[in-house]
Amino acid sequence: GDGLSDVPCMKMMRTYGGQAIAVYQEENRQGVEDLLSKGRV
């Protein structure tokens, strides 16, 4: 996914043993870096 709208699914992956990946364009890089720093992806 790419951002906050994907967090519920990303959390499921992290909780149940799957993997969560966020992709970005430069304009939303800071947002996905925040997801990584908070352990959401």
Full PDB file with SEQRES, HELIX, SHEET, SSBOND, CRYST1, ORIGX, SCALE, CONECT and MASTER records, all heavy atoms in Angstrom:
SEQRES   1 A   41  GLY ASP GLY LEU SER ASP VAL PRO CYS MET LYS MET MET          
SEQRES   2 A   41  ARG THR TYR GLY GLY GLN ALA ILE ALA VAL TYR GLN GLU          
SEQRES   3 A   41  GLU ASN ARG GLN GLY VAL GLU ASP LEU LEU SER LYS GLY          
SEQRES   4 A   41  ARG VAL                                                      
HELIX    1 AA1 LEU A    4  ASP A    6  5                                   3    
HELIX    2 AA2 VAL A    7  TYR A   16  1                                  10    
HELIX    3 AA3 GLU A   26  ASN A   28  5                                   3    
HELIX    4 AA4 ARG A   29  SER A   37  1                                   9    
CRYST1    1.000    1.000    1.000  90.00  90.00  90.00 P 1           1          
ORIGX1      1.000000  0.000000  0.000000        0.00000                         
ORIGX2      0.000000  1.000000  0.000000        0.00000                         
ORIGX3      0.000000  0.000000  1.000000        0.00000                         
SCALE1      1.000000  0.000000  0.000000        0.00000                         
SCALE2      0.000000  1.000000  0.000000        0.00000                         
SCALE3      0.000000  0.000000  1.000000        0.00000                         
ATOM      1  N   GLY A   1       0.828  -1.204   0.000  1.00  0.00           N  
ATOM      2  CA  GLY A   1       0.000   0.000   0.000  1.00  0.00           C  
ATOM      3  C   GLY A   1       0.854   1.242   0.000  1.00  0.00           C  
ATOM      4  O   GLY A   1       2.072   1.180  -0.207  1.00  0.00           O  
ATOM      5  N   ASP A   2       0.216   2.381   0.258  1.00  0.00           N  
ATOM      6  CA  ASP A   2       0.972   3.633   0.163  1.00  0.00           C  
ATOM      7  C   ASP A   2       0.761   4.594   1.322  1.00  0.00           C  
ATOM      8  O   ASP A   2       1.438   5.623   1.389  1.00  0.00           O  
ATOM      9  CB  ASP A   2       0.610   4.368  -1.138  1.00  0.00           C  
ATOM     10  CG  ASP A   2      -0.809   4.929  -1.104  1.00  0.00           C  
ATOM     11  OD1 ASP A   2      -1.753   4.161  -1.320  1.00  0.00           O  
ATOM     12  OD2 ASP A   2      -0.983   6.131  -0.848  1.00  0.00           O  
ATOM     13  N   GLY A   3      -0.165   4.307   2.235  1.00  0.00           N  
ATOM     14  CA  GLY A   3      -0.380   5.319   3.260  1.00  0.00           C  
ATOM     15  C   GLY A   3      -1.331   4.900   4.356  1.00  0.00           C  
ATOM     16  O   GLY A   3      -1.612   3.710   4.568  1.00  0.00           O  
ATOM     17  N   LEU A   4      -1.898   5.905   5.046  1.00  0.00           N  
ATOM     18  CA  LEU A   4      -2.703   5.663   6.239  1.00  0.00           C  
ATOM     19  C   LEU A   4      -3.938   4.823   5.949  1.00  0.00           C  
ATOM     20  O   LEU A   4      -4.401   4.069   6.811  1.00  0.00           O  
ATOM     21  CB  LEU A   4      -3.113   6.999   6.867  1.00  0.00           C  
ATOM     22  CG  LEU A   4      -1.992   7.786   7.549  1.00  0.00           C  
ATOM     23  CD1 LEU A   4      -2.511   9.142   8.015  1.00  0.00           C  
ATOM     24  CD2 LEU A   4      -1.426   6.998   8.723  1.00  0.00           C  
ATOM     25  N   SER A   5      -4.509   4.943   4.747  1.00  0.00           N  
ATOM     26  CA  SER A   5      -5.713   4.167   4.436  1.00  0.00           C  
ATOM     27  C   SER A   5      -5.438   2.664   4.429  1.00  0.00           C  
ATOM     28  O   SER A   5      -6.365   1.861   4.490  1.00  0.00           O  
ATOM     29  CB  SER A   5      -6.292   4.594   3.084  1.00  0.00           C  
ATOM     30  OG  SER A   5      -5.420   4.259   2.029  1.00  0.00           O  
ATOM     31  N   ASP A   6      -4.171   2.300   4.353  1.00  0.00           N  
ATOM     32  CA  ASP A   6      -3.801   0.881   4.313  1.00  0.00           C  
ATOM     33  C   ASP A   6      -3.391   0.333   5.678  1.00  0.00           C  
ATOM     34  O   ASP A   6      -3.122  -0.868   5.804  1.00  0.00           O  
ATOM     35  CB  ASP A   6      -2.635   0.685   3.340  1.00  0.00           C  
ATOM     36  CG  ASP A   6      -2.972   1.147   1.936  1.00  0.00           C  
ATOM     37  OD1 ASP A   6      -3.921   0.585   1.361  1.00  0.00           O  
ATOM     38  OD2 ASP A   6      -2.313   2.075   1.431  1.00  0.00           O  
ATOM     39  N   VAL A   7      -3.342   1.183   6.684  1.00  0.00           N  
ATOM     40  CA  VAL A   7      -2.820   0.774   7.982  1.00  0.00           C  
ATOM     41  C   VAL A   7      -3.569  -0.415   8.593  1.00  0.00           C  
ATOM     42  O   VAL A   7      -2.932  -1.331   9.124  1.00  0.00           O  
ATOM     43  CB  VAL A   7      -2.765   1.970   8.953  1.00  0.00           C  
ATOM     44  CG1 VAL A   7      -2.570   1.508  10.398  1.00  0.00           C  
ATOM     45  CG2 VAL A   7      -1.629   2.909   8.546  1.00  0.00           C  
ATOM     46  N   PRO A   8      -4.922  -0.468   8.553  1.00  0.00           N  
ATOM     47  CA  PRO A   8      -5.579  -1.640   9.142  1.00  0.00           C  
ATOM     48  C   PRO A   8      -5.119  -2.961   8.527  1.00  0.00           C  
ATOM     49  O   PRO A   8      -4.880  -3.939   9.246  1.00  0.00           O  
ATOM     50  CB  PRO A   8      -7.064  -1.377   8.868  1.00  0.00           C  
ATOM     51  CG  PRO A   8      -7.174   0.116   8.826  1.00  0.00           C  
ATOM     52  CD  PRO A   8      -5.913   0.564   8.145  1.00  0.00           C  
ATOM     53  N   CYS A   9      -4.969  -2.997   7.197  1.00  0.00           N  
ATOM     54  CA  CYS A   9      -4.497  -4.228   6.546  1.00  0.00           C  
ATOM     55  C   CYS A   9      -3.033  -4.489   6.861  1.00  0.00           C  
ATOM     56  O   CYS A   9      -2.619  -5.638   7.066  1.00  0.00           O  
ATOM     57  CB  CYS A   9      -4.697  -4.131   5.036  1.00  0.00           C  
ATOM     58  SG  CYS A   9      -6.425  -4.190   4.519  1.00  0.00           S  
ATOM     59  N   MET A  10      -2.243  -3.422   6.894  1.00  0.00           N  
ATOM     60  CA  MET A  10      -0.835  -3.591   7.237  1.00  0.00           C  
ATOM     61  C   MET A  10      -0.674  -4.129   8.649  1.00  0.00           C  
ATOM     62  O   MET A  10       0.169  -4.993   8.914  1.00  0.00           O  
ATOM     63  CB  MET A  10      -0.110  -2.249   7.087  1.00  0.00           C  
ATOM     64  CG  MET A  10       0.023  -1.777   5.650  1.00  0.00           C  
ATOM     65  SD  MET A  10       0.646  -0.074   5.552  1.00  0.00           S  
ATOM     66  CE  MET A  10       1.009   0.051   3.791  1.00  0.00           C  
ATOM     67  N   LYS A  11      -1.505  -3.638   9.558  1.00  0.00           N  
ATOM     68  CA  LYS A  11      -1.439  -4.120  10.943  1.00  0.00           C  
ATOM     69  C   LYS A  11      -1.798  -5.600  11.018  1.00  0.00           C  
ATOM     70  O   LYS A  11      -1.190  -6.366  11.773  1.00  0.00           O  
ATOM     71  CB  LYS A  11      -2.372  -3.296  11.838  1.00  0.00           C  
ATOM     72  CG  LYS A  11      -2.316  -3.707  13.312  1.00  0.00           C  
ATOM     73  CD  LYS A  11      -3.140  -2.786  14.164  1.00  0.00           C  
ATOM     74  CE  LYS A  11      -3.152  -3.242  15.623  1.00  0.00           C  
ATOM     75  NZ  LYS A  11      -1.816  -3.328  16.215  1.00  0.00           N  
ATOM     76  N   MET A  12      -2.788  -6.020  10.219  1.00  0.00           N  
ATOM     77  CA  MET A  12      -3.125  -7.443  10.171  1.00  0.00           C  
ATOM     78  C   MET A  12      -1.927  -8.280   9.755  1.00  0.00           C  
ATOM     79  O   MET A  12      -1.642  -9.327  10.334  1.00  0.00           O  
ATOM     80  CB  MET A  12      -4.274  -7.684   9.188  1.00  0.00           C  
ATOM     81  CG  MET A  12      -5.632  -7.314   9.700  1.00  0.00           C  
ATOM     82  SD  MET A  12      -6.912  -7.804   8.527  1.00  0.00           S  
ATOM     83  CE  MET A  12      -6.845  -9.593   8.705  1.00  0.00           C  
ATOM     84  N   MET A  13      -1.226  -7.813   8.725  1.00  0.00           N  
ATOM     85  CA  MET A  13      -0.057  -8.549   8.261  1.00  0.00           C  
ATOM     86  C   MET A  13       0.976  -8.663   9.375  1.00  0.00           C  
ATOM     87  O   MET A  13       1.525  -9.733   9.648  1.00  0.00           O  
ATOM     88  CB  MET A  13       0.570  -7.853   7.047  1.00  0.00           C  
ATOM     89  CG  MET A  13      -0.289  -7.797   5.800  1.00  0.00           C  
ATOM     90  SD  MET A  13      -0.683  -9.422   5.138  1.00  0.00           S  
ATOM     91  CE  MET A  13      -2.380  -9.611   5.699  1.00  0.00           C  
ATOM     92  N   ARG A  14       1.240  -7.539  10.024  1.00  0.00           N  
ATOM     93  CA  ARG A  14       2.251  -7.526  11.078  1.00  0.00           C  
ATOM     94  C   ARG A  14       1.833  -8.394  12.267  1.00  0.00           C  
ATOM     95  O   ARG A  14       2.669  -9.022  12.908  1.00  0.00           O  
ATOM     96  CB  ARG A  14       2.473  -6.082  11.556  1.00  0.00           C  
ATOM     97  CG  ARG A  14       2.952  -5.125  10.465  1.00  0.00           C  
ATOM     98  CD  ARG A  14       4.445  -5.086  10.373  1.00  0.00           C  
ATOM     99  NE  ARG A  14       5.000  -4.530  11.592  1.00  0.00           N  
ATOM    100  CZ  ARG A  14       6.270  -4.644  11.957  1.00  0.00           C  
ATOM    101  NH1 ARG A  14       7.107  -5.329  11.204  1.00  0.00           N  
ATOM    102  NH2 ARG A  14       6.718  -4.105  13.074  1.00  0.00           N  
ATOM    103  N   THR A  15       0.541  -8.444  12.555  1.00  0.00           N  
ATOM    104  CA  THR A  15       0.050  -9.193  13.707  1.00  0.00           C  
ATOM    105  C   THR A  15       0.049 -10.695  13.468  1.00  0.00           C  
ATOM    106  O   THR A  15       0.389 -11.483  14.360  1.00  0.00           O  
ATOM    107  CB  THR A  15      -1.381  -8.729  14.066  1.00  0.00           C  
ATOM    108  OG1 THR A  15      -1.358  -7.332  14.382  1.00  0.00           O  
ATOM    109  CG2 THR A  15      -1.929  -9.506  15.263  1.00  0.00           C  
ATOM    110  N   TYR A  16      -0.310 -11.099  12.247  1.00  0.00           N  
ATOM    111  CA  TYR A  16      -0.521 -12.515  11.967  1.00  0.00           C  
ATOM    112  C   TYR A  16       0.595 -13.157  11.156  1.00  0.00           C  
ATOM    113  O   TYR A  16       0.450 -14.288  10.695  1.00  0.00           O  
ATOM    114  CB  TYR A  16      -1.855 -12.710  11.254  1.00  0.00           C  
ATOM    115  CG  TYR A  16      -3.047 -12.342  12.114  1.00  0.00           C  
ATOM    116  CD1 TYR A  16      -3.930 -11.345  11.723  1.00  0.00           C  
ATOM    117  CD2 TYR A  16      -3.275 -12.984  13.328  1.00  0.00           C  
ATOM    118  CE1 TYR A  16      -5.023 -11.001  12.501  1.00  0.00           C  
ATOM    119  CE2 TYR A  16      -4.353 -12.654  14.114  1.00  0.00           C  
ATOM    120  CZ  TYR A  16      -5.231 -11.659  13.701  1.00  0.00           C  
ATOM    121  OH  TYR A  16      -6.293 -11.319  14.485  1.00  0.00           O  
ATOM    122  N   GLY A  17       1.713 -12.473  10.981  1.00  0.00           N  
ATOM    123  CA  GLY A  17       2.866 -13.120  10.390  1.00  0.00           C  
ATOM    124  C   GLY A  17       3.076 -12.895   8.908  1.00  0.00           C  
ATOM    125  O   GLY A  17       3.983 -13.491   8.317  1.00  0.00           O  
ATOM    126  N   GLY A  18       2.257 -12.058   8.282  1.00  0.00           N  
ATOM    127  CA  GLY A  18       2.495 -11.684   6.887  1.00  0.00           C  
ATOM    128  C   GLY A  18       3.502 -10.543   6.816  1.00  0.00           C  
ATOM    129  O   GLY A  18       4.178 -10.217   7.799  1.00  0.00           O  
ATOM    130  N   GLN A  19       3.603  -9.932   5.641  1.00  0.00           N  
ATOM    131  CA  GLN A  19       4.539  -8.830   5.445  1.00  0.00           C  
ATOM    132  C   GLN A  19       3.794  -7.618   4.887  1.00  0.00           C  
ATOM    133  O   GLN A  19       2.879  -7.761   4.065  1.00  0.00           O  
ATOM    134  CB  GLN A  19       5.638  -9.230   4.456  1.00  0.00           C  
ATOM    135  CG  GLN A  19       6.498 -10.388   4.921  1.00  0.00           C  
ATOM    136  CD  GLN A  19       7.548  -9.970   5.933  1.00  0.00           C  
ATOM    137  OE1 GLN A  19       8.303  -9.031   5.727  1.00  0.00           O  
ATOM    138  NE2 GLN A  19       7.607 -10.690   7.042  1.00  0.00           N  
ATOM    139  N   ALA A  20       4.178  -6.434   5.330  1.00  0.00           N  
ATOM    140  CA  ALA A  20       3.554  -5.187   4.879  1.00  0.00           C  
ATOM    141  C   ALA A  20       4.607  -4.287   4.253  1.00  0.00           C  
ATOM    142  O   ALA A  20       5.659  -4.040   4.853  1.00  0.00           O  
ATOM    143  CB  ALA A  20       2.873  -4.480   6.045  1.00  0.00           C  
ATOM    144  N   ILE A  21       4.314  -3.801   3.058  1.00  0.00           N  
ATOM    145  CA  ILE A  21       5.230  -2.936   2.317  1.00  0.00           C  
ATOM    146  C   ILE A  21       4.504  -1.653   1.944  1.00  0.00           C  
ATOM    147  O   ILE A  21       3.358  -1.691   1.479  1.00  0.00           O  
ATOM    148  CB  ILE A  21       5.727  -3.633   1.031  1.00  0.00           C  
ATOM    149  CG1 ILE A  21       6.545  -4.877   1.376  1.00  0.00           C  
ATOM    150  CG2 ILE A  21       6.538  -2.680   0.159  1.00  0.00           C  
ATOM    151  CD1 ILE A  21       6.934  -5.714   0.165  1.00  0.00           C  
ATOM    152  N   ALA A  22       5.149  -0.517   2.144  1.00  0.00           N  
ATOM    153  CA  ALA A  22       4.611   0.765   1.682  1.00  0.00           C  
ATOM    154  C   ALA A  22       5.486   1.295   0.552  1.00  0.00           C  
ATOM    155  O   ALA A  22       6.714   1.283   0.658  1.00  0.00           O  
ATOM    156  CB  ALA A  22       4.563   1.778   2.830  1.00  0.00           C  
ATOM    157  N   VAL A  23       4.853   1.720  -0.533  1.00  0.00           N  
ATOM    158  CA  VAL A  23       5.576   2.329  -1.650  1.00  0.00           C  
ATOM    159  C   VAL A  23       5.285   3.822  -1.655  1.00  0.00           C  
ATOM    160  O   VAL A  23       4.264   4.276  -1.137  1.00  0.00           O  
ATOM    161  CB  VAL A  23       5.189   1.689  -3.000  1.00  0.00           C  
ATOM    162  CG1 VAL A  23       5.571   0.215  -3.025  1.00  0.00           C  
ATOM    163  CG2 VAL A  23       3.707   1.855  -3.297  1.00  0.00           C  
ATOM    164  N   TYR A  24       6.188   4.580  -2.256  1.00  0.00           N  
ATOM    165  CA  TYR A  24       6.020   6.030  -2.197  1.00  0.00           C  
ATOM    166  C   TYR A  24       6.530   6.720  -3.465  1.00  0.00           C  
ATOM    167  O   TYR A  24       7.362   6.200  -4.192  1.00  0.00           O  
ATOM    168  CB  TYR A  24       6.742   6.608  -0.982  1.00  0.00           C  
ATOM    169  CG  TYR A  24       8.251   6.408  -0.971  1.00  0.00           C  
ATOM    170  CD1 TYR A  24       9.105   7.295  -1.642  1.00  0.00           C  
ATOM    171  CD2 TYR A  24       8.830   5.339  -0.285  1.00  0.00           C  
ATOM    172  CE1 TYR A  24      10.481   7.118  -1.628  1.00  0.00           C  
ATOM    173  CE2 TYR A  24      10.203   5.149  -0.267  1.00  0.00           C  
ATOM    174  CZ  TYR A  24      11.026   6.050  -0.943  1.00  0.00           C  
ATOM    175  OH  TYR A  24      12.385   5.865  -0.935  1.00  0.00           O  
ATOM    176  N   GLN A  25       5.956   7.899  -3.691  1.00  0.00           N  
ATOM    177  CA  GLN A  25       6.512   8.905  -4.574  1.00  0.00           C  
ATOM    178  C   GLN A  25       7.166   9.940  -3.662  1.00  0.00           C  
ATOM    179  O   GLN A  25       6.887   9.985  -2.462  1.00  0.00           O  
ATOM    180  CB  GLN A  25       5.407   9.530  -5.424  1.00  0.00           C  
ATOM    181  CG  GLN A  25       4.645   8.500  -6.255  1.00  0.00           C  
ATOM    182  CD  GLN A  25       3.437   9.087  -6.959  1.00  0.00           C  
ATOM    183  OE1 GLN A  25       3.552   9.718  -8.006  1.00  0.00           O  
ATOM    184  NE2 GLN A  25       2.263   8.863  -6.378  1.00  0.00           N  
ATOM    185  N   GLU A  26       7.998  10.777  -4.214  1.00  0.00           N  
ATOM    186  CA  GLU A  26       8.749  11.699  -3.353  1.00  0.00           C  
ATOM    187  C   GLU A  26       7.846  12.538  -2.468  1.00  0.00           C  
ATOM    188  O   GLU A  26       8.172  12.814  -1.317  1.00  0.00           O  
ATOM    189  CB  GLU A  26       9.656  12.607  -4.191  1.00  0.00           C  
ATOM    190  CG  GLU A  26      11.014  12.014  -4.498  1.00  0.00           C  
ATOM    191  CD  GLU A  26      11.753  11.492  -3.257  1.00  0.00           C  
ATOM    192  OE1 GLU A  26      11.824  12.220  -2.248  1.00  0.00           O  
ATOM    193  OE2 GLU A  26      12.243  10.351  -3.289  1.00  0.00           O  
ATOM    194  N   GLU A  27       6.661  12.924  -3.003  1.00  0.00           N  
ATOM    195  CA  GLU A  27       5.797  13.809  -2.216  1.00  0.00           C  
ATOM    196  C   GLU A  27       5.195  13.133  -1.000  1.00  0.00           C  
ATOM    197  O   GLU A  27       4.733  13.815  -0.082  1.00  0.00           O  
ATOM    198  CB  GLU A  27       4.677  14.397  -3.092  1.00  0.00           C  
ATOM    199  CG  GLU A  27       3.796  13.367  -3.761  1.00  0.00           C  
ATOM    200  CD  GLU A  27       4.234  13.076  -5.194  1.00  0.00           C  
ATOM    201  OE1 GLU A  27       5.450  13.149  -5.472  1.00  0.00           O  
ATOM    202  OE2 GLU A  27       3.353  12.787  -6.016  1.00  0.00           O  
ATOM    203  N   ASN A  28       5.162  11.791  -0.958  1.00  0.00           N  
ATOM    204  CA  ASN A  28       4.634  11.147   0.249  1.00  0.00           C  
ATOM    205  C   ASN A  28       5.679  10.281   0.945  1.00  0.00           C  
ATOM    206  O   ASN A  28       5.350   9.433   1.774  1.00  0.00           O  
ATOM    207  CB  ASN A  28       3.377  10.324  -0.075  1.00  0.00           C  
ATOM    208  CG  ASN A  28       3.680   8.998  -0.754  1.00  0.00           C  
ATOM    209  OD1 ASN A  28       4.494   8.950  -1.673  1.00  0.00           O  
ATOM    210  ND2 ASN A  28       3.025   7.927  -0.320  1.00  0.00           N  
ATOM    211  N   ARG A  29       6.950  10.544   0.646  1.00  0.00           N  
ATOM    212  CA  ARG A  29       8.005   9.755   1.277  1.00  0.00           C  
ATOM    213  C   ARG A  29       8.000   9.925   2.792  1.00  0.00           C  
ATOM    214  O   ARG A  29       8.154   8.955   3.537  1.00  0.00           O  
ATOM    215  CB  ARG A  29       9.369  10.156   0.714  1.00  0.00           C  
ATOM    216  CG  ARG A  29      10.515   9.395   1.359  1.00  0.00           C  
ATOM    217  CD  ARG A  29      11.815   9.608   0.642  1.00  0.00           C  
ATOM    218  NE  ARG A  29      12.887   8.830   1.233  1.00  0.00           N  
ATOM    219  CZ  ARG A  29      14.029   8.540   0.629  1.00  0.00           C  
ATOM    220  NH1 ARG A  29      14.264   8.970  -0.602  1.00  0.00           N  
ATOM    221  NH2 ARG A  29      14.954   7.817   1.244  1.00  0.00           N  
ATOM    222  N   GLN A  30       7.810  11.148   3.255  1.00  0.00           N  
ATOM    223  CA  GLN A  30       7.836  11.387   4.698  1.00  0.00           C  
ATOM    224  C   GLN A  30       6.731  10.599   5.400  1.00  0.00           C  
ATOM    225  O   GLN A  30       6.932  10.052   6.486  1.00  0.00           O  
ATOM    226  CB  GLN A  30       7.673  12.882   4.997  1.00  0.00           C  
ATOM    227  CG  GLN A  30       7.772  13.225   6.479  1.00  0.00           C  
ATOM    228  CD  GLN A  30       7.731  14.716   6.728  1.00  0.00           C  
ATOM    229  OE1 GLN A  30       7.798  15.535   5.798  1.00  0.00           O  
ATOM    230  NE2 GLN A  30       7.613  15.097   7.989  1.00  0.00           N  
ATOM    231  N   GLY A  31       5.566  10.497   4.750  1.00  0.00           N  
ATOM    232  CA  GLY A  31       4.459   9.758   5.352  1.00  0.00           C  
ATOM    233  C   GLY A  31       4.762   8.281   5.528  1.00  0.00           C  
ATOM    234  O   GLY A  31       4.464   7.700   6.569  1.00  0.00           O  
ATOM    235  N   VAL A  32       5.378   7.657   4.517  1.00  0.00           N  
ATOM    236  CA  VAL A  32       5.668   6.221   4.654  1.00  0.00           C  
ATOM    237  C   VAL A  32       6.861   5.989   5.563  1.00  0.00           C  
ATOM    238  O   VAL A  32       6.936   4.948   6.238  1.00  0.00           O  
ATOM    239  CB  VAL A  32       5.872   5.539   3.276  1.00  0.00           C  
ATOM    240  CG1 VAL A  32       4.617   5.635   2.437  1.00  0.00           C  
ATOM    241  CG2 VAL A  32       7.053   6.095   2.536  1.00  0.00           C  
ATOM    242  N   GLU A  33       7.786   6.952   5.629  1.00  0.00           N  
ATOM    243  CA  GLU A  33       8.873   6.830   6.604  1.00  0.00           C  
ATOM    244  C   GLU A  33       8.316   6.837   8.021  1.00  0.00           C  
ATOM    245  O   GLU A  33       8.817   6.131   8.905  1.00  0.00           O  
ATOM    246  CB  GLU A  33       9.891   7.957   6.408  1.00  0.00           C  
ATOM    247  CG  GLU A  33      10.758   7.790   5.162  1.00  0.00           C  
ATOM    248  CD  GLU A  33      11.724   8.944   4.950  1.00  0.00           C  
ATOM    249  OE1 GLU A  33      11.536  10.009   5.592  1.00  0.00           O  
ATOM    250  OE2 GLU A  33      12.663   8.783   4.152  1.00  0.00           O  
ATOM    251  N   ASP A  34       7.250   7.611   8.219  1.00  0.00           N  
ATOM    252  CA  ASP A  34       6.596   7.633   9.528  1.00  0.00           C  
ATOM    253  C   ASP A  34       5.959   6.276   9.831  1.00  0.00           C  
ATOM    254  O   ASP A  34       6.013   5.791  10.972  1.00  0.00           O  
ATOM    255  CB  ASP A  34       5.541   8.736   9.553  1.00  0.00           C  
ATOM    256  CG  ASP A  34       4.918   8.910  10.929  1.00  0.00           C  
ATOM    257  OD1 ASP A  34       5.666   9.226  11.878  1.00  0.00           O  
ATOM    258  OD2 ASP A  34       3.693   8.734  11.059  1.00  0.00           O  
ATOM    259  N   LEU A  35       5.358   5.650   8.809  1.00  0.00           N  
ATOM    260  CA  LEU A  35       4.790   4.317   9.002  1.00  0.00           C  
ATOM    261  C   LEU A  35       5.864   3.324   9.418  1.00  0.00           C  
ATOM    262  O   LEU A  35       5.658   2.486  10.302  1.00  0.00           O  
ATOM    263  CB  LEU A  35       4.120   3.831   7.708  1.00  0.00           C  
ATOM    264  CG  LEU A  35       2.869   4.563   7.231  1.00  0.00           C  
ATOM    265  CD1 LEU A  35       2.389   3.967   5.905  1.00  0.00           C  
ATOM    266  CD2 LEU A  35       1.756   4.503   8.267  1.00  0.00           C  
ATOM    267  N   LEU A  36       7.030   3.420   8.792  1.00  0.00           N  
ATOM    268  CA  LEU A  36       8.126   2.513   9.124  1.00  0.00           C  
ATOM    269  C   LEU A  36       8.628   2.759  10.542  1.00  0.00           C  
ATOM    270  O   LEU A  36       8.836   1.818  11.313  1.00  0.00           O  
ATOM    271  CB  LEU A  36       9.265   2.681   8.117  1.00  0.00           C  
ATOM    272  CG  LEU A  36      10.474   1.757   8.298  1.00  0.00           C  
ATOM    273  CD1 LEU A  36      10.089   0.310   8.041  1.00  0.00           C  
ATOM    274  CD2 LEU A  36      11.607   2.179   7.354  1.00  0.00           C  
ATOM    275  N   SER A  37       8.810   4.031  10.898  1.00  0.00           N  
ATOM    276  CA  SER A  37       9.360   4.349  12.215  1.00  0.00           C  
ATOM    277  C   SER A  37       8.423   3.933  13.341  1.00  0.00           C  
ATOM    278  O   SER A  37       8.867   3.636  14.451  1.00  0.00           O  
ATOM    279  CB  SER A  37       9.662   5.852  12.307  1.00  0.00           C  
ATOM    280  OG  SER A  37       8.464   6.619  12.304  1.00  0.00           O  
ATOM    281  N   LYS A  38       7.125   3.877  13.050  1.00  0.00           N  
ATOM    282  CA  LYS A  38       6.142   3.487  14.060  1.00  0.00           C  
ATOM    283  C   LYS A  38       5.823   1.996  14.023  1.00  0.00           C  
ATOM    284  O   LYS A  38       4.917   1.527  14.726  1.00  0.00           O  
ATOM    285  CB  LYS A  38       4.860   4.307  13.880  1.00  0.00           C  
ATOM    286  CG  LYS A  38       5.051   5.784  14.234  1.00  0.00           C  
ATOM    287  CD  LYS A  38       3.784   6.582  14.030  1.00  0.00           C  
ATOM    288  CE  LYS A  38       3.993   8.048  14.441  1.00  0.00           C  
ATOM    289  NZ  LYS A  38       2.799   8.882  14.170  1.00  0.00           N  
ATOM    290  N   GLY A  39       6.553   1.255  13.203  1.00  0.00           N  
ATOM    291  CA  GLY A  39       6.379  -0.187  13.166  1.00  0.00           C  
ATOM    292  C   GLY A  39       5.105  -0.652  12.499  1.00  0.00           C  
ATOM    293  O   GLY A  39       4.640  -1.769  12.734  1.00  0.00           O  
ATOM    294  N   ARG A  40       4.554   0.180  11.597  1.00  0.00           N  
ATOM    295  CA  ARG A  40       3.311  -0.216  10.923  1.00  0.00           C  
ATOM    296  C   ARG A  40       3.574  -0.981   9.633  1.00  0.00           C  
ATOM    297  O   ARG A  40       2.674  -1.630   9.112  1.00  0.00           O  
ATOM    298  CB  ARG A  40       2.462   1.029  10.648  1.00  0.00           C  
ATOM    299  CG  ARG A  40       1.911   1.648  11.922  1.00  0.00           C  
ATOM    300  CD  ARG A  40       1.127   2.910  11.661  1.00  0.00           C  
ATOM    301  NE  ARG A  40       0.150   3.149  12.721  1.00  0.00           N  
ATOM    302  CZ  ARG A  40      -0.741   4.137  12.713  1.00  0.00           C  
ATOM    303  NH1 ARG A  40      -0.769   4.975  11.696  1.00  0.00           N  
ATOM    304  NH2 ARG A  40      -1.590   4.271  13.697  1.00  0.00           N  
ATOM    305  N   VAL A  41       4.772  -0.874   9.098  1.00  0.00           N  
ATOM    306  CA  VAL A  41       5.142  -1.637   7.903  1.00  0.00           C  
ATOM    307  C   VAL A  41       6.513  -2.260   8.119  1.00  0.00           C  
ATOM    308  O   VAL A  41       7.282  -1.838   8.991  1.00  0.00           O  
ATOM    309  CB  VAL A  41       5.182  -0.744   6.629  1.00  0.00           C  
ATOM    310  CG1 VAL A  41       3.809  -0.193   6.308  1.00  0.00           C  
ATOM    311  CG2 VAL A  41       6.192   0.381   6.761  1.00  0.00           C  
TER     312      VAL A  41                                                      
MASTER        0    0    0    4    0    0    0    6  311    1    0    4          
END                                                                             
